[in-house]
Amino acid sequence: MRIATWNVNSIRARVDRVVDYLQRENVDVLCMQEIKCRENQFPIEAFEAAGYEVALHGLNQWNGVAIASRLPIDDVAIGFESMPGFGPLDDAGNPPLEARAIGATIEGLRLWSLYVPNGRELDNPHYPYKLEWLGGLARDMSAWMAANPDEPLALLGDWNVAPYDRDVWDVDQFVGSTHVSQPERDAFFAFESAGLTDVVRERVPEGYTYWDYKQLRFPRNEGMRIDFILANSPFADLVSSAHIARDERKGDGPSDHVPVVVDLDYGDEEDDRPMIF
């Protein structure tokens, strides 16, 4: 089974690229972030024609997450229990919940597509929101793993954190910025303390997953590694290989992120799915 995560930076602008990638690379499940559309705007027909069903959560032209799968999608969850909101308070005094998390079970695997808040600047209200969001996710996933110790779990997505200095092209350029601050890194490593591991880094120690469109960042390879797949032991034990699909940053109209991919030794060896033409 091949599972990937990809911040597509607007699915309506890149649907042809995404569907082509799914078919060309024989991807079974794709977790998407920044779909940037409401449910009724998502180009579902293109995915269905390629043999995929889609579960998604999108509220407006910002954020948005989705899971596309050639296998049945079950037990869809929108958001997680401790997920905080952000923005102007409603009549009940609560900030709105953004479209940043969707979970589903596929062939016994519990998968989450996550778009972690950016944080913006260290003195911006979005920064403590980001830390609270990560803290709530870690608590909820720890509780889930305690209740389901034998079930494979993976958290996939755009984490908006560069955990190590080598995960940015020049750490000196990020002094005083988000993504590399110690509280953000501590929040990221809290998932390791909870029993999750980065199942890609041990197989792909170096490499970026994001390059800004500005200042020729991609041709200069001035990128960041901020897209990750963190998994518990039952999931990690299934992983046979992993890669970062750097070439997907090339060509016309790419996303500024590229897919991060794992292959699992999981399920029947024979593929009895119908061919899609």
Protein backbone atom coordinates (compact mmCIF):
# COMPACT_ATOMS: atom_id res chain seq x y z
CA MET A 1 0.00 0.00 0.00
CA ARG A 2 1.33 3.44 -0.92
CA ILE A 3 0.29 6.42 1.25
CA ALA A 4 1.29 10.04 0.64
CA THR A 5 0.74 13.47 2.12
CA TRP A 6 0.78 16.66 0.06
CA ASN A 7 -0.01 20.30 0.72
CA VAL A 8 -1.53 20.96 -2.70
CA ASN A 9 -1.99 24.73 -2.23
CA SER A 10 -5.43 24.89 -3.88
CA ILE A 11 -6.92 21.69 -5.28
CA ARG A 12 -9.00 23.57 -7.86
CA ALA A 13 -5.85 25.10 -9.33
CA ARG A 14 -3.95 21.78 -9.34
CA VAL A 15 -6.49 19.01 -9.71
CA ASP A 16 -4.98 17.77 -12.98
CA ARG A 17 -1.49 17.60 -11.48
CA VAL A 18 -2.72 15.84 -8.36
CA VAL A 19 -4.82 13.21 -10.14
CA ASP A 20 -2.05 12.60 -12.67
CA TYR A 21 0.40 12.06 -9.80
CA LEU A 22 -1.94 9.62 -8.05
CA GLN A 23 -2.28 7.46 -11.13
CA ARG A 24 1.30 7.76 -12.35
CA GLU A 25 2.77 6.88 -8.96
CA ASN A 26 0.14 4.27 -8.03
CA VAL A 27 -0.83 6.02 -4.79
CA ASP A 28 -3.53 4.28 -2.76
CA VAL A 29 -4.20 7.03 -0.22
CA LEU A 30 -3.39 10.74 -0.40
CA CYS A 31 -3.77 13.11 2.54
CA MET A 32 -4.11 16.67 1.24
CA GLN A 33 -3.77 20.04 2.95
CA GLU A 34 -4.66 23.57 1.89
CA ILE A 35 -7.37 22.46 -0.51
CA LYS A 36 -8.70 26.02 -0.22
CA CYS A 37 -12.34 25.33 -1.05
CA ARG A 38 -15.68 24.37 0.38
CA GLU A 39 -17.04 20.86 -0.04
CA ASN A 40 -19.30 21.85 -2.93
CA GLN A 41 -16.32 23.41 -4.75
CA PHE A 42 -14.02 20.38 -4.55
CA PRO A 43 -13.42 18.78 -8.01
CA ILE A 44 -14.71 15.42 -6.83
CA GLU A 45 -15.56 14.16 -10.31
CA ALA A 46 -11.92 14.05 -11.39
CA PHE A 47 -11.01 11.90 -8.41
CA GLU A 48 -13.96 9.58 -8.83
CA ALA A 49 -13.14 9.11 -12.52
CA ALA A 50 -9.66 8.00 -11.46
CA GLY A 51 -11.08 5.50 -8.97
CA TYR A 52 -10.80 7.47 -5.71
CA GLU A 53 -13.34 8.41 -3.09
CA VAL A 54 -12.74 11.56 -1.07
CA ALA A 55 -13.47 12.68 2.47
CA LEU A 56 -12.89 16.39 3.00
CA HIS A 57 -13.33 19.33 5.29
CA GLY A 58 -13.24 22.80 3.77
CA LEU A 59 -14.98 25.94 4.95
CA ASN A 60 -13.77 28.71 2.64
CA GLN A 61 -10.86 29.74 0.44
CA TRP A 62 -8.37 29.17 3.28
CA ASN A 63 -6.97 26.01 4.84
CA GLY A 64 -8.95 22.81 4.18
CA VAL A 65 -7.95 19.14 4.41
CA ALA A 66 -8.95 15.99 2.53
CA ILE A 67 -8.22 12.29 2.14
CA ALA A 68 -8.49 10.56 -1.24
CA SER A 69 -8.42 6.77 -1.32
CA ARG A 70 -8.83 3.86 -3.74
CA LEU A 71 -9.89 1.83 -0.71
CA PRO A 72 -13.03 2.35 1.40
CA ILE A 73 -12.93 5.31 3.81
CA ASP A 74 -14.56 4.68 7.20
CA ASP A 75 -15.05 6.44 10.54
CA VAL A 76 -14.40 9.98 9.29
CA ALA A 77 -13.71 12.54 12.02
CA ILE A 78 -13.70 16.29 11.45
CA GLY A 79 -11.23 17.91 13.81
CA PHE A 80 -10.05 16.46 17.10
CA GLU A 81 -11.61 16.85 20.51
CA SER A 82 -9.07 19.29 21.98
CA MET A 83 -8.64 21.36 18.82
CA PRO A 84 -8.75 25.08 19.67
CA GLY A 85 -10.32 27.74 17.50
CA PHE A 86 -8.97 31.05 16.24
CA GLY A 87 -10.54 34.33 15.26
CA PRO A 88 -13.40 36.59 16.34
CA LEU A 89 -15.56 35.08 19.08
CA ASP A 90 -19.08 33.93 18.31
CA ASP A 91 -22.16 34.77 20.38
CA ALA A 92 -21.23 32.02 22.84
CA GLY A 93 -17.76 33.47 23.30
CA ASN A 94 -15.94 30.77 21.30
CA PRO A 95 -13.48 31.30 18.45
CA PRO A 96 -14.32 29.45 15.20
CA LEU A 97 -12.73 26.07 14.48
CA GLU A 98 -10.70 26.10 11.29
CA ALA A 99 -10.59 23.34 8.65
CA ARG A 100 -7.25 21.87 9.65
CA ALA A 101 -7.77 18.21 10.60
CA ILE A 102 -9.61 15.21 9.23
CA GLY A 103 -9.22 11.61 10.33
CA ALA A 104 -10.37 8.35 8.77
CA THR A 105 -9.84 4.61 8.97
CA ILE A 106 -8.73 2.86 5.77
CA GLU A 107 -8.15 -0.89 5.77
CA GLY A 108 -7.62 -0.81 9.53
CA LEU A 109 -5.17 2.11 9.42
CA ARG A 110 -6.12 5.26 11.35
CA LEU A 111 -4.90 8.21 9.28
CA TRP A 112 -5.06 11.94 9.96
CA SER A 113 -4.51 14.68 7.38
CA LEU A 114 -3.27 17.73 9.29
CA TYR A 115 -2.56 21.34 8.43
CA VAL A 116 -0.86 22.80 11.50
CA PRO A 117 -1.31 26.56 11.97
CA ASN A 118 1.56 28.64 10.59
CA GLY A 119 2.14 30.81 13.64
CA ARG A 120 2.98 33.86 11.49
CA GLU A 121 5.29 35.80 13.85
CA LEU A 122 6.48 35.09 17.37
CA ASP A 123 4.47 38.02 18.74
CA ASN A 124 1.36 37.25 16.69
CA PRO A 125 -1.72 35.71 18.39
CA HIS A 126 -1.46 32.92 15.80
CA TYR A 127 1.73 31.70 17.49
CA PRO A 128 0.23 30.68 20.87
CA TYR A 129 -2.72 29.30 18.91
CA LYS A 130 -0.30 27.09 17.00
CA LEU A 131 1.29 25.81 20.20
CA GLU A 132 -2.11 25.17 21.77
CA TRP A 133 -3.24 23.35 18.62
CA LEU A 134 -0.21 21.06 18.66
CA GLY A 135 -0.57 20.45 22.38
CA GLY A 136 -4.21 19.46 22.03
CA LEU A 137 -3.42 17.12 19.16
CA ALA A 138 -0.63 15.43 21.14
CA ARG A 139 -2.93 14.87 24.12
CA ASP A 140 -5.74 13.47 22.01
CA MET A 141 -3.48 11.16 20.02
CA SER A 142 -1.83 9.92 23.23
CA ALA A 143 -5.25 9.09 24.64
CA TRP A 144 -6.25 7.33 21.41
CA MET A 145 -3.09 5.22 21.40
CA ALA A 146 -3.60 4.26 25.04
CA ALA A 147 -7.11 3.07 24.18
CA ASN A 148 -6.05 1.39 20.90
CA PRO A 149 -2.47 0.17 21.47
CA ASP A 150 -2.45 -2.36 18.63
CA GLU A 151 -4.05 -0.24 15.90
CA PRO A 152 -1.78 1.46 13.32
CA LEU A 153 -1.92 5.26 13.49
CA ALA A 154 -0.24 7.89 11.32
CA LEU A 155 -0.39 11.68 11.46
CA LEU A 156 0.37 13.08 8.02
CA GLY A 157 0.60 16.62 6.81
CA ASP A 158 2.10 20.06 6.79
CA TRP A 159 3.39 20.58 10.33
CA ASN A 160 4.80 24.09 9.75
CA VAL A 161 7.74 23.20 12.03
CA ALA A 162 11.35 22.57 11.03
CA PRO A 163 12.49 20.33 13.92
CA TYR A 164 16.23 20.52 13.20
CA ASP A 165 18.52 23.28 11.96
CA ARG A 166 19.32 21.18 8.87
CA ASP A 167 15.61 21.30 7.95
CA VAL A 168 16.06 24.85 6.63
CA TRP A 169 18.55 26.01 4.02
CA ASP A 170 20.16 28.55 6.35
CA VAL A 171 19.10 28.64 9.96
CA ASP A 172 20.64 32.09 10.38
CA GLN A 173 17.95 33.42 8.07
CA PHE A 174 15.29 32.24 10.54
CA VAL A 175 16.54 33.85 13.74
CA GLY A 176 13.55 35.34 15.53
CA SER A 177 11.09 33.60 13.19
CA THR A 178 8.46 30.94 13.57
CA HIS A 179 8.93 27.33 12.42
CA VAL A 180 12.30 27.02 14.17
CA SER A 181 11.59 28.44 17.63
CA GLN A 182 12.27 26.18 20.58
CA PRO A 183 8.64 26.07 21.81
CA GLU A 184 7.52 24.90 18.36
CA ARG A 185 10.23 22.27 18.23
CA ASP A 186 9.37 21.14 21.74
CA ALA A 187 5.72 20.81 20.69
CA PHE A 188 6.77 18.72 17.71
CA PHE A 189 9.04 16.43 19.72
CA ALA A 190 6.25 15.91 22.24
CA PHE A 191 4.77 13.51 19.70
CA GLU A 192 7.92 11.41 19.90
CA SER A 193 7.57 11.36 23.67
CA ALA A 194 4.00 10.15 23.14
CA GLY A 195 5.24 7.18 21.10
CA LEU A 196 5.20 8.45 17.52
CA THR A 197 8.21 8.40 15.19
CA ASP A 198 9.07 10.09 11.91
CA VAL A 199 8.92 7.07 9.60
CA VAL A 200 10.41 8.98 6.64
CA ARG A 201 13.51 10.61 8.13
CA GLU A 202 15.18 7.34 9.07
CA ARG A 203 14.97 6.35 5.40
CA VAL A 204 15.45 9.82 3.90
CA PRO A 205 17.75 11.70 6.29
CA GLU A 206 18.15 14.79 4.11
CA GLY A 207 15.85 16.74 1.82
CA TYR A 208 13.31 19.52 1.83
CA THR A 209 9.55 19.35 1.25
CA TYR A 210 8.77 23.05 0.66
CA TRP A 211 10.30 25.86 -1.39
CA ASP A 212 8.82 29.37 -1.47
CA TYR A 213 7.80 30.67 -4.90
CA LYS A 214 9.78 33.87 -4.33
CA GLN A 215 13.47 34.63 -4.88
CA LEU A 216 14.19 31.49 -6.93
CA ARG A 217 14.09 29.38 -3.79
CA PHE A 218 13.58 26.11 -5.65
CA PRO A 219 16.35 26.50 -8.27
CA ARG A 220 18.69 27.48 -5.44
CA ASN A 221 17.42 24.60 -3.27
CA GLU A 222 16.63 27.04 -0.49
CA GLY A 223 13.90 24.97 1.07
CA MET A 224 12.42 23.70 4.31
CA ARG A 225 11.47 20.29 5.62
CA ILE A 226 8.09 20.86 7.24
CA ASP A 227 5.91 17.99 5.92
CA PHE A 228 6.03 14.79 7.96
CA ILE A 229 4.50 11.40 8.61
CA LEU A 230 4.57 10.56 12.32
CA ALA A 231 3.37 7.08 13.23
CA ASN A 232 3.00 4.70 16.15
CA SER A 233 4.85 1.38 16.32
CA PRO A 234 2.11 -0.77 14.72
CA PHE A 235 2.16 1.54 11.67
CA ALA A 236 5.95 2.00 11.63
CA ASP A 237 6.45 -1.76 11.59
CA LEU A 238 4.58 -1.91 8.27
CA VAL A 239 6.71 0.71 6.47
CA SER A 240 9.02 -0.81 3.87
CA SER A 241 10.28 2.36 2.13
CA ALA A 242 9.79 6.11 1.92
CA HIS A 243 10.68 9.02 -0.32
CA ILE A 244 10.18 12.73 -0.90
CA ALA A 245 8.83 13.38 -4.42
CA ARG A 246 11.01 16.42 -5.14
CA ASP A 247 10.32 16.41 -8.89
CA GLU A 248 6.70 17.38 -8.23
CA ARG A 249 7.96 20.90 -7.49
CA LYS A 250 9.00 21.19 -11.15
CA GLY A 251 6.95 22.01 -14.23
CA ASP A 252 4.00 24.31 -14.77
CA GLY A 253 1.94 25.49 -11.84
CA PRO A 254 3.36 23.34 -9.04
CA SER A 255 2.45 23.55 -5.39
CA ASP A 256 5.16 25.02 -3.20
CA HIS A 257 5.17 21.68 -1.31
CA VAL A 258 5.87 18.18 -2.64
CA PRO A 259 4.46 14.77 -1.68
CA VAL A 260 6.01 12.78 1.15
CA VAL A 261 5.42 9.07 0.61
CA VAL A 262 5.58 5.77 2.49
CA ASP A 263 5.12 2.24 1.17
CA LEU A 264 3.66 -0.38 3.49
CA ASP A 265 3.88 -4.15 3.43
CA TYR A 266 0.21 -4.43 4.18
CA GLY A 267 -2.84 -6.23 2.84
CA ASP A 268 -3.15 -8.78 0.06
CA GLU A 269 -0.23 -9.14 -2.32
CA GLU A 270 -2.52 -9.51 -5.32
CA ASP A 271 -4.18 -6.32 -6.52
CA ASP A 272 -7.75 -7.14 -7.52
CA ARG A 273 -8.85 -3.53 -7.96
CA PRO A 274 -10.40 -2.74 -11.35
CA MET A 275 -8.28 -0.93 -13.90
CA ILE A 276 -9.32 2.68 -14.46
CA PHE A 277 -9.00 3.96 -18.04
